[in-house]
Protein backbone atom coordinates (compact mmCIF):
# COMPACT_ATOMS: atom_id res chain seq x y z
CA MET A 1 79.37 105.21 96.39
CA GLU A 2 81.90 105.43 93.63
CA HIS A 3 81.85 102.11 91.97
CA GLN A 4 80.77 100.75 88.64
CA ASN A 5 77.82 98.48 88.09
CA HIS A 6 78.26 94.76 87.79
CA ALA A 7 78.90 93.29 84.41
CA GLY A 8 75.88 92.68 82.23
CA SER A 9 73.92 89.50 82.77
CA GLY A 10 73.19 86.83 80.21
CA ALA A 11 75.07 83.83 79.00
CA ASP A 12 76.91 83.05 75.83
CA ALA A 13 80.03 82.83 73.74
CA ASP A 14 81.35 79.81 71.89
CA ALA A 15 85.04 80.19 72.64
CA GLY A 16 87.79 78.32 70.83
CA ALA A 17 90.80 76.85 72.52
CA LEU A 18 93.18 79.21 74.22
CA GLN A 19 95.35 81.21 71.84
CA ASN A 20 99.05 80.40 71.78
CA MET A 21 98.47 76.89 73.16
CA GLU A 22 100.57 73.92 72.12
CA PRO A 23 99.06 71.57 69.49
CA ASN A 24 98.56 68.89 72.13
CA GLY A 25 96.56 71.26 74.32
CA GLY A 26 99.30 71.85 76.85
CA MET A 27 100.51 75.18 78.10
CA PRO A 28 103.18 76.95 75.97
CA VAL A 29 106.79 76.58 76.96
CA PHE A 30 109.07 79.49 77.66
CA ASP A 31 110.64 81.04 74.57
CA HIS A 32 114.39 80.86 75.19
CA GLN A 33 115.13 83.18 72.27
CA MET A 34 113.33 86.00 74.04
CA LEU A 35 115.89 86.02 76.84
CA GLY A 36 118.75 85.56 74.39
CA GLN A 37 118.06 89.02 73.00
CA ALA A 38 117.81 90.64 76.43
CA ASN A 39 120.17 92.59 78.58
CA PRO A 40 121.20 89.99 81.22
CA GLU A 41 121.37 92.55 84.02
CA ALA A 42 117.92 93.89 83.15
CA VAL A 43 116.41 90.41 83.07
CA ALA A 44 118.05 89.57 86.39
CA ALA A 45 116.53 92.71 87.85
CA LEU A 46 113.11 91.79 86.48
CA MET A 47 113.09 88.30 87.90
CA ALA A 48 114.74 89.08 91.20
CA GLY A 49 111.48 90.18 92.80
CA GLN A 50 113.20 92.84 94.89
CA PRO A 51 111.62 93.69 98.25
CA PHE A 52 109.53 96.84 98.40
CA ILE A 53 111.29 100.14 99.05
CA PRO A 54 110.25 100.85 102.66
CA ASP A 55 110.87 104.59 102.52
CA PRO A 56 109.35 106.02 99.30
CA SER A 57 111.58 108.59 97.71
CA LEU A 58 110.27 111.57 95.88
CA GLY A 59 113.53 111.83 93.98
CA SER A 60 114.70 109.82 91.04
CA VAL A 61 114.69 106.04 91.29
CA PRO A 62 117.36 104.26 89.21
CA MET A 63 115.73 101.97 86.70
CA ALA A 64 117.01 99.17 84.52
CA ASP A 65 117.36 99.67 80.79
CA GLY A 66 113.96 98.73 79.38
CA THR A 67 114.64 99.23 75.68
CA PHE A 68 114.95 95.50 75.01
CA MET A 69 111.35 95.01 76.14
CA LEU A 70 109.76 97.59 73.84
CA PRO A 71 109.11 95.20 70.93
CA MET A 72 107.32 92.82 73.29
CA MET A 73 105.24 95.41 75.12
CA MET A 74 102.86 96.42 72.38
CA PRO A 75 100.01 98.67 73.53
CA ASN A 76 96.89 96.64 74.16
CA GLY A 77 94.75 99.26 72.49
CA LEU A 78 94.19 97.07 69.44
CA PRO A 79 93.54 93.32 69.33
CA MET A 80 96.81 91.43 68.95
CA GLN A 81 94.98 88.73 66.98
CA LEU A 82 91.95 88.81 64.75
CA PRO A 83 88.71 87.64 66.37
CA THR A 84 87.82 84.02 65.74
CA ASN A 85 84.21 84.14 66.98
CA THR A 86 81.52 86.38 65.52
CA VAL A 87 78.34 87.50 67.22
CA SER A 88 75.51 85.29 65.98
CA ALA A 89 71.78 85.98 65.94
CA ASP A 90 71.45 83.83 69.05
CA ASP A 91 74.13 85.89 70.73
CA ILE A 92 72.30 89.11 69.90
CA ALA A 93 69.11 87.74 71.41
CA LEU A 94 70.89 86.45 74.49
CA TYR A 95 73.06 89.51 75.12
CA ASP A 96 70.62 92.12 73.86
CA ARG A 97 70.70 94.28 76.98
CA GLN A 98 74.47 94.56 77.23
CA ILE A 99 74.94 94.93 73.46
CA ARG A 100 72.74 98.02 73.71
CA LEU A 101 75.27 99.39 76.20
CA TRP A 102 78.57 98.68 74.46
CA GLY A 103 77.68 97.58 70.90
CA ILE A 104 78.29 94.58 68.65
CA ALA A 105 82.00 95.28 68.09
CA ALA A 106 82.72 95.31 71.81
CA GLN A 107 80.69 92.14 72.38
CA GLU A 108 82.71 90.37 69.71
CA LYS A 109 85.95 91.29 71.46
CA ILE A 110 84.54 90.09 74.77
CA GLN A 111 83.49 86.76 73.25
CA ASN A 112 87.02 86.22 71.92
CA ALA A 113 88.77 87.08 75.18
CA HIS A 114 90.66 84.51 77.24
CA ILE A 115 90.94 85.40 80.91
CA LEU A 116 93.28 84.00 83.55
CA LEU A 117 91.96 84.25 87.13
CA ILE A 118 94.41 83.36 89.90
CA THR A 119 93.32 82.23 93.40
CA MET A 120 89.68 81.20 93.82
CA ARG A 121 88.57 82.88 97.02
CA GLY A 122 85.44 85.01 97.57
CA LEU A 123 86.63 87.97 95.48
CA ALA A 124 87.56 85.75 92.54
CA HIS A 125 84.13 84.11 92.67
CA GLU A 126 82.50 87.49 92.12
CA ILE A 127 84.88 88.38 89.30
CA ALA A 128 84.36 85.03 87.57
CA LYS A 129 80.58 85.28 87.88
CA ASN A 130 80.42 88.68 86.21
CA LEU A 131 82.83 87.83 83.41
CA VAL A 132 81.11 84.54 82.59
CA LEU A 133 77.68 86.18 82.55
CA ALA A 134 79.07 88.83 80.18
CA GLY A 135 80.07 86.06 77.77
CA VAL A 136 83.87 86.03 77.68
CA GLY A 137 85.38 83.42 75.38
CA SER A 138 87.05 81.40 78.11
CA ILE A 139 88.22 81.72 81.68
CA THR A 140 90.98 79.69 83.29
CA LEU A 141 90.88 79.20 87.06
CA LEU A 142 94.40 78.80 88.46
CA ASP A 143 94.67 77.69 92.07
CA GLY A 144 96.77 74.97 93.66
CA SER A 145 95.14 75.16 97.10
CA SER A 146 92.48 72.90 98.57
CA VAL A 147 89.06 73.88 99.90
CA THR A 148 88.96 74.45 103.65
CA GLU A 149 86.00 74.91 105.97
CA ALA A 150 86.73 78.65 106.09
CA ASP A 151 86.25 78.83 102.29
CA LEU A 152 82.61 77.75 102.59
CA GLY A 153 81.59 80.99 104.28
CA CYS A 154 82.00 83.51 101.44
CA GLN A 155 82.62 81.49 98.28
CA PHE A 156 79.17 80.92 96.84
CA PHE A 157 80.23 78.52 94.06
CA LEU A 158 80.97 76.04 96.85
CA SER A 159 77.54 76.31 98.45
CA GLU A 160 76.01 73.28 96.72
CA GLY A 161 78.77 70.85 97.67
CA GLY A 162 79.13 72.10 101.22
CA GLU A 163 81.50 70.24 103.51
CA GLY A 164 81.82 67.48 100.94
CA LEU A 165 84.12 69.77 98.94
CA VAL A 166 86.64 70.19 101.75
CA GLY A 167 89.97 68.84 100.58
CA GLN A 168 89.21 69.18 96.86
CA ASN A 169 91.13 71.57 94.65
CA ARG A 170 89.64 75.04 95.06
CA ALA A 171 89.55 75.87 91.33
CA GLU A 172 88.03 72.52 90.39
CA ALA A 173 85.40 72.75 93.12
CA ALA A 174 84.26 76.19 91.92
CA SER A 175 84.28 75.34 88.21
CA HIS A 176 81.16 73.12 88.22
CA ALA A 177 78.76 75.81 89.41
CA LEU A 178 80.51 78.43 87.26
CA ARG A 179 79.90 76.42 84.07
CA LYS A 180 76.17 76.31 84.83
CA LEU A 181 75.96 80.11 84.69
CA ASN A 182 76.83 80.19 81.00
CA PRO A 183 77.39 76.85 79.25
CA ARG A 184 78.76 78.62 76.16
CA VAL A 185 81.75 80.01 78.06
CA GLN A 186 84.65 77.60 78.30
CA VAL A 187 85.80 77.20 81.89
CA HIS A 188 89.26 75.68 82.25
CA VAL A 189 90.87 74.53 85.49
CA ASP A 190 94.59 74.58 86.23
CA PRO A 191 95.12 72.90 89.63
CA GLU A 192 98.78 73.91 89.88
CA SER A 193 100.10 76.77 91.96
CA VAL A 194 101.05 80.00 90.22
CA THR A 195 104.51 79.48 91.71
CA ALA A 196 105.02 76.63 89.23
CA LYS A 197 104.58 78.88 86.19
CA GLY A 198 107.18 80.54 84.01
CA PRO A 199 106.76 83.90 82.22
CA SER A 200 105.57 82.36 78.95
CA TYR A 201 102.53 80.83 80.68
CA PHE A 202 100.82 84.22 80.81
CA ALA A 203 101.19 84.90 77.07
CA ALA A 204 98.16 82.72 76.27
CA TYR A 205 95.70 85.11 77.95
CA ASP A 206 94.27 88.47 76.98
CA VAL A 207 93.87 89.62 80.61
CA VAL A 208 95.53 88.29 83.77
CA ILE A 209 93.75 88.83 87.12
CA ALA A 210 95.49 87.88 90.38
CA THR A 211 93.59 88.04 93.67
CA ASP A 212 94.44 87.64 97.35
CA LEU A 213 98.16 87.00 96.89
CA ASP A 214 101.18 88.37 98.70
CA PRO A 215 102.78 91.56 97.30
CA GLY A 216 105.94 89.79 96.09
CA THR A 217 103.90 87.40 93.97
CA PHE A 218 101.85 90.28 92.54
CA ASN A 219 105.13 91.91 91.53
CA ILE A 220 106.52 88.83 89.81
CA ILE A 221 103.28 88.11 87.91
CA ASN A 222 103.13 91.75 86.81
CA THR A 223 106.69 91.44 85.52
CA ALA A 224 105.68 88.42 83.44
CA THR A 225 102.57 90.14 82.05
CA ARG A 226 104.68 93.14 81.04
CA ILE A 227 107.15 90.87 79.24
CA ASN A 228 104.23 89.39 77.31
CA GLY A 229 102.39 92.70 76.81
CA ARG A 230 99.28 91.59 78.71
CA PRO A 231 96.96 93.70 80.90
CA PHE A 232 97.25 92.86 84.60
CA TYR A 233 94.92 93.33 87.56
CA ALA A 234 95.70 92.71 91.22
CA ALA A 235 93.00 92.79 93.87
CA GLY A 236 92.33 91.68 97.41
CA THR A 237 90.01 92.14 100.37
CA HIS A 238 90.39 92.13 104.13
CA GLY A 239 86.98 92.22 105.73
CA MET A 240 85.54 95.69 105.13
CA TYR A 241 88.57 96.89 103.16
CA GLY A 242 89.88 96.07 99.70
CA PHE A 243 91.72 97.32 96.64
CA ILE A 244 91.99 97.01 92.86
CA PHE A 245 95.22 97.73 90.97
CA SER A 246 95.53 97.79 87.19
CA ASP A 247 98.54 97.84 84.87
CA LEU A 248 97.32 98.02 81.28
CA ILE A 249 100.79 99.19 80.11
CA GLU A 250 99.37 101.38 77.32
CA HIS A 251 95.66 101.26 76.59
CA ASP A 252 93.80 102.89 73.70
CA TYR A 253 90.05 103.47 73.82
CA ILE A 254 87.40 105.60 72.13
CA ILE A 255 84.83 107.84 73.78
CA SER A 256 81.81 108.70 71.60
CA ARG A 257 79.87 111.76 72.68
CA GLU A 258 77.93 114.73 71.39
CA ALA A 259 80.28 117.52 70.37
CA GLY A 260 80.32 120.57 72.61
CA ASN A 261 80.74 124.23 71.82
CA VAL A 262 84.54 123.96 72.10
CA SER A 263 86.11 121.63 69.58
CA THR A 264 88.22 118.75 70.90
CA THR A 265 91.78 118.53 69.61
CA PRO A 266 94.66 116.08 70.21
CA LYS A 267 96.48 117.09 73.40
CA GLN A 268 97.90 115.85 76.70
CA GLU A 269 95.00 115.81 79.19
CA SER A 270 97.01 114.62 82.19
CA ARG A 271 100.30 112.97 82.94
CA THR A 272 98.84 109.56 82.07
CA ARG A 273 96.13 110.40 79.54
CA SER A 274 96.31 111.97 76.09
CA ILE A 275 93.91 112.56 73.19
CA THR A 276 95.44 110.98 70.09
CA ASP A 277 92.72 111.56 67.47
CA VAL A 278 89.28 113.10 67.03
CA LYS A 279 86.71 112.23 64.35
CA THR A 280 83.26 113.73 63.91
CA LYS A 281 80.08 112.67 62.11
CA ARG A 282 76.53 113.88 61.80
CA ASP A 283 73.78 111.83 63.40
CA GLY A 284 70.41 113.40 62.70
CA GLY A 285 70.70 116.97 63.89
CA LYS A 286 73.63 116.28 66.21
CA THR A 287 77.38 116.21 65.73
CA ILE A 288 78.96 113.13 67.33
CA GLU A 289 82.67 113.09 68.00
CA SER A 290 84.74 109.94 68.50
CA VAL A 291 87.68 110.83 70.73
CA SER A 292 90.59 108.37 70.73
CA LYS A 293 92.52 108.40 74.00
CA ARG A 294 95.55 106.61 75.41
CA GLU A 295 96.27 105.83 79.06
CA LEU A 296 99.78 105.05 80.33
CA TYR A 297 100.42 102.91 83.41
CA SER A 298 103.12 102.05 85.90
CA THR A 299 103.77 98.73 87.61
CA TRP A 300 102.58 97.16 90.85
CA PHE A 301 106.07 97.45 92.32
CA LEU A 302 106.02 101.23 91.92
CA ALA A 303 102.32 102.00 92.44
CA SER A 304 102.07 99.98 95.64
CA ASP A 305 104.89 101.76 97.47
CA VAL A 306 107.11 104.26 95.61
CA ALA A 307 104.37 106.21 93.81
CA VAL A 308 103.02 109.44 95.24
CA LEU A 309 99.67 111.16 94.93
CA PRO A 310 99.33 113.50 91.93
CA ARG A 311 99.79 117.25 92.20
CA GLU A 312 96.05 117.95 92.31
CA TYR A 313 96.05 116.16 95.69
CA THR A 314 99.31 117.38 97.18
CA SER A 315 98.47 121.00 96.34
CA SER A 316 95.13 120.86 98.17
CA LYS A 317 94.83 120.33 101.92
CA ARG A 318 91.15 119.59 101.50
CA ARG A 319 91.81 116.77 99.03
CA LEU A 320 94.64 115.34 101.12
CA LYS A 321 92.33 115.25 104.12
CA SER A 322 89.77 113.33 102.08
CA VAL A 323 92.20 110.52 101.12
CA THR A 324 91.19 107.34 102.92
CA PRO A 325 93.73 106.12 105.50
CA ALA A 326 93.05 102.62 104.16
CA LEU A 327 95.59 103.45 101.45
CA SER A 328 98.34 103.95 104.02
CA CYS A 329 97.26 100.85 105.95
CA LEU A 330 97.25 98.65 102.85
CA ARG A 331 100.73 99.86 101.93
CA ALA A 332 101.84 99.13 105.48
CA LEU A 333 100.35 95.64 105.29
CA TRP A 334 102.13 94.89 102.03
CA GLU A 335 105.47 95.92 103.49
CA PHE A 336 104.81 94.07 106.75
CA LYS A 337 104.18 90.87 104.79
CA GLN A 338 107.40 91.42 102.85
CA LEU A 339 109.35 91.74 106.08
CA GLN A 340 107.58 88.94 107.96
CA GLY A 341 107.43 86.08 105.47
CA ASN A 342 103.93 86.89 104.13
CA ARG A 343 102.17 86.37 107.44
CA LEU A 344 99.58 88.73 108.92
CA PRO A 345 100.05 90.70 112.16
CA SER A 346 99.06 88.44 115.04
CA ASN A 347 100.58 89.66 118.30
CA ARG A 348 101.47 92.77 120.25
CA GLU A 349 104.89 93.22 118.67
CA ASP A 350 103.39 92.81 115.21
CA LEU A 351 100.84 95.54 115.89
CA LYS A 352 103.58 97.83 117.15
CA LEU A 353 105.58 97.28 113.97
CA PHE A 354 102.52 97.70 111.78
CA THR A 355 101.70 101.03 113.47
CA GLN A 356 105.20 102.31 112.77
CA ILE A 357 105.05 101.31 109.11
CA ALA A 358 101.54 102.72 108.61
CA THR A 359 102.63 106.05 110.09
CA GLN A 360 105.61 106.11 107.75
CA LYS A 361 103.45 105.38 104.70
CA HIS A 362 100.99 108.08 105.74
CA LYS A 363 103.79 110.65 105.94
CA ALA A 364 105.27 109.54 102.62
CA LEU A 365 101.93 110.30 100.94
CA SER A 366 101.94 113.79 102.52
CA LEU A 367 98.68 113.01 104.33
CA PRO A 368 97.74 114.86 107.54
CA SER A 369 98.59 112.80 110.63
CA GLU A 370 95.16 113.37 112.21
CA THR A 371 93.44 111.27 109.51
CA LEU A 372 95.29 108.12 110.63
CA ARG A 373 93.39 107.63 113.87
CA PRO A 374 93.97 104.78 116.35
CA GLU A 375 90.33 103.75 115.86
CA PHE A 376 90.92 103.26 112.16
CA LEU A 377 94.12 101.29 112.72
CA ARG A 378 92.29 99.04 115.17
CA SER A 379 89.41 98.49 112.74
CA PHE A 380 91.77 97.69 109.87
CA LEU A 381 93.79 95.20 111.90
CA GLN A 382 90.68 93.43 113.17
CA ASN A 383 89.51 92.88 109.58
CA LEU A 384 92.71 91.25 108.33
CA GLY A 385 92.32 87.81 106.81
CA SER A 386 88.51 87.77 106.76
CA GLU A 387 86.08 87.72 103.82
CA ILE A 388 82.76 89.60 103.79
CA ALA A 389 80.38 88.82 100.93
CA PRO A 390 79.04 92.36 100.27
CA VAL A 391 82.59 93.73 100.06
CA THR A 392 83.75 91.05 97.63
CA ALA A 393 80.59 91.64 95.56
CA ILE A 394 81.24 95.38 95.23
CA LEU A 395 84.91 95.07 94.46
CA GLY A 396 84.52 92.03 92.20
CA GLY A 397 81.77 93.72 90.21
CA GLN A 398 83.86 96.84 89.71
CA LEU A 399 86.92 94.90 88.58
CA ALA A 400 84.93 92.71 86.18
CA GLN A 401 83.24 95.77 84.68
CA ASP A 402 86.61 97.41 84.12
CA VAL A 403 87.89 94.29 82.35
CA ILE A 404 84.85 94.43 80.06
CA ASN A 405 85.48 98.13 79.40
CA VAL A 406 89.11 97.39 78.55
CA LEU A 407 88.18 94.57 76.19
CA GLY A 408 85.52 96.68 74.50
CA GLN A 409 87.77 99.79 74.38
CA SER A 410 84.80 102.08 74.84
CA GLN A 411 85.14 103.51 78.37
CA GLN A 412 87.85 105.12 80.44
CA PRO A 413 89.50 102.40 82.56
CA ILE A 414 90.65 102.42 86.18
CA GLN A 415 93.77 104.54 86.65
CA ASN A 416 95.26 102.83 88.55
CA MET A 417 94.33 102.09 92.20
CA VAL A 418 90.87 101.79 93.77
CA ILE A 419 90.65 101.64 97.58
CA LEU A 420 87.39 100.41 99.12
CA ASP A 421 86.40 101.31 102.68
CA GLY A 422 83.26 99.37 103.54
CA ASN A 423 82.68 101.42 106.68
CA THR A 424 82.15 104.63 104.72
CA MET A 425 80.86 102.79 101.61
CA GLU A 426 83.26 104.68 99.36
CA ALA A 427 85.66 103.38 96.71
CA PRO A 428 87.72 106.33 95.44
CA MET A 429 90.25 105.91 92.63
CA TYR A 430 93.79 107.26 92.99
CA PRO A 431 96.29 107.60 90.12
CA LEU A 432 99.49 106.52 91.86
CA HIS A 433 102.64 106.96 89.79
CA PRO A 434 106.28 107.77 90.54
CA GLU A 435 108.10 110.64 88.86
CA LEU A 436 109.34 108.35 86.10
CA GLU A 437 108.48 107.45 82.55
CA LEU A 438 105.20 105.58 82.20
CA GLY A 439 103.86 102.99 79.81
CA ALA A 440 105.75 100.34 77.88
CA SER A 441 109.20 101.77 78.61
CA LEU A 442 108.86 101.32 82.36
CA LEU A 443 110.32 98.22 83.97
CA SER A 444 108.80 96.80 87.12
CA VAL A 445 111.85 96.80 89.40
CA PRO A 446 114.91 98.99 89.99
CA ASN A 447 118.37 97.98 88.84
CA ALA A 448 119.70 94.91 90.51
CA ASP A 449 123.06 95.27 92.18
CA ALA A 450 125.69 94.66 89.52
CA ALA A 451 127.84 92.49 91.73
CA SER A 452 124.86 90.40 92.79
CA ALA A 453 123.79 89.95 89.18
CA ALA A 454 127.30 88.86 88.19
CA ALA A 455 127.51 86.40 91.07
CA ASN A 456 124.05 84.98 90.38
CA PRO A 457 123.55 84.81 86.59
CA MET A 458 120.23 83.70 85.17
CA VAL A 459 120.10 79.99 84.55
CA PRO A 460 119.39 79.25 80.85
CA GLY A 461 116.15 77.52 80.09
CA ASP A 462 112.63 77.85 81.41
CA ILE A 463 112.87 80.32 84.27
CA HIS A 464 111.14 79.48 87.52
CA MET A 465 110.01 82.95 88.55
CA PHE A 466 109.31 82.09 92.17
CA GLY A 467 112.35 79.93 92.98
CA ALA A 468 115.40 81.00 94.89
CA GLY A 469 117.86 79.16 92.68
CA ASP A 470 118.05 81.60 89.80
CA VAL A 471 118.72 84.94 91.45
CA ALA A 472 119.51 86.18 94.91
CA PHE A 473 117.24 88.36 96.99
CA PRO A 474 119.41 90.81 98.93
CA ALA A 475 118.45 91.70 102.48
CA ALA A 476 118.25 95.22 103.81
CA SER A 477 118.21 96.99 107.15
CA VAL A 478 115.54 99.66 107.14
CA PRO A 479 115.34 102.30 109.90
CA MET A 480 111.78 103.37 110.65
CA PRO A 481 110.91 107.04 111.25
CA ASN A 482 109.31 108.33 114.43
CA ALA A 483 105.64 107.41 114.67
CA ASP A 484 103.34 110.17 115.85
CA VAL A 485 99.98 108.45 115.84
CA ALA A 486 97.60 110.47 117.96
CA GLY A 487 97.08 107.68 120.47
CA PRO A 488 97.83 104.06 121.33
CA VAL A 489 96.58 101.17 119.22
CA MET A 490 94.85 98.48 121.24
CA ASP A 491 95.36 94.81 120.47
CA GLY A 492 92.92 93.44 123.02
CA MET A 493 95.75 92.86 125.51
CA GLY A 494 96.96 96.38 126.10
CA ALA A 495 98.19 99.54 124.45
CA VAL A 496 100.74 99.27 121.70
CA SER A 497 103.40 101.95 121.77
CA ALA A 498 104.53 103.61 118.54
CA GLU A 499 108.18 103.96 119.56
CA THR A 500 110.75 103.88 116.80
CA GLN A 501 112.66 100.67 116.33
CA PRO A 502 114.88 99.56 113.45
CA VAL A 503 113.34 96.94 111.23
CA ASP A 504 115.59 94.19 109.93
CA ALA A 505 114.31 93.14 106.52
CA ALA A 506 114.96 89.45 106.22
CA GLN A 507 115.37 87.64 102.95
CA ALA A 508 112.58 88.86 100.67
CA ALA A 509 109.32 86.96 100.93
CA HIS A 510 109.39 86.24 97.19
CA THR A 511 111.38 83.09 97.93
CA GLN A 512 108.66 81.73 100.19
CA PRO A 513 105.91 79.47 98.84
CA LEU A 514 102.51 81.04 98.58
CA GLN A 515 100.50 80.84 101.79
CA THR A 516 96.78 80.92 102.26
CA GLN A 517 95.85 84.04 104.17
CA GLY A 518 94.53 83.47 107.64
CA ALA A 519 92.94 85.69 110.24
CA PRO A 520 95.35 87.18 112.76
CA ASP A 521 95.35 85.72 116.24
CA MET A 522 93.33 88.49 117.83
CA GLU A 523 89.76 89.01 118.89
CA LYS A 524 87.52 90.22 116.07
CA GLN A 525 85.35 93.15 117.07
CA THR A 526 82.78 95.22 115.30
CA SER A 527 83.67 98.88 115.29
CA ASN A 528 81.07 101.02 117.03
CA GLU A 529 82.43 104.13 115.41
CA ALA A 530 80.00 105.89 113.13
CA PRO A 531 81.13 106.21 109.51
CA LYS A 532 83.02 109.41 108.93
CA GLU A 533 81.95 111.72 106.16
CA ASN A 534 84.50 111.72 103.39
CA THR A 535 84.67 113.27 99.96
CA SER A 536 85.62 110.70 97.35
CA ALA A 537 88.31 111.61 94.92
């Protein structure tokens, strides 16, 4: 199983108030001067929340001019502010085990970190648990939804209150048990919806984590985090399947290791990773080298649909065959939700459309058609909308550990997509990037249509990122390619044909309010298929 261990246990960290907060304790307002210096067309493109590109292109994708954002997108390799909390003797005693793993300096950075966690479902509970036990400075729970009876099944912070919590705000209900895990960590609750926030809201946090949201909202939040130069994680689960996406923009970290026979020198290790500096020292009879590296990232908008697998995959039939079809199915689900107002497939026609899109995504990734089997499609569809505790525990632990690694700058981070298949108990990582520039110079959306931008100028003032009043969301008509799935997909009522039909993309789902995910209206079944052997990437 390729996944990292859960974050270290313990409890501690006196954390001050959130950085960049207003003197009265309120959230910061949007800085109008920031937009005044921007290219209006580029900003309009950023905030438009364009629908996903249904047919990924391996050619060039026109991008907006991102030069105006460079001063704001500083690499997060070094702390943007000096630490305000130091590691005390009590902290050392409390966090002794994890300090032995990542050191005092990393623990200090962790204790001064302010985390924003969006949507408190089962996956977010696991993430919050691990980060609070590791001793982050503060964590803010942002969720405007209320607890339902379905939430009580997989969200363990609600176990004490039981049915008495139904109807309460989901973030507030989870905060009481979370505070008990580590009283020294400040747990803040924001009961508003993320749709009520402007871009400047995200500047107060060192890391932004969004879970179980629709793809359009992920895209818009990622745009805001890029504007503010903040690391961003997106994650979600559907029964036995799940994913983690990370956009750290540009991340510097140091690997300390015993020097080998061949000296390490600054160089480009891969398209996304480079060695920037190497220092050596003697420790007893050994030579220890500290290798400084930098990772470059692309955005959710590109990685979730336009990006292709790297050359080491596309040049090897064996590696392509080992790529989990869950990647194609997740991409198909994200596009389906964009086309269908953020709802899940729930009837025969939906399953037919989903099959067509999944086949298209599979082809776009150059994956062999035989790996996208009808049995897998059926299993994936039957898991949609559900939460399974072991899956959220694995994925939440891995994401939390990566956040700790990023804060401590001592381990190689996720690059940039992890796909979990609970049936095979594998969570391979895939670096998904388009053939474009990476890092701080990359914007999150293509150029907006010039005429549309001129007809719908940005309204001065605090921008409402999720509203339809500021910018238009153009519709598109997307023809789907022929689907050649090796057999019919069953929906419990009959076979679903994979015939080609044109898909009319309605107004992008970004203009819709956020919806709580629900299980599709189909019979849930447990797959009797034995797990297939697969080689993780």
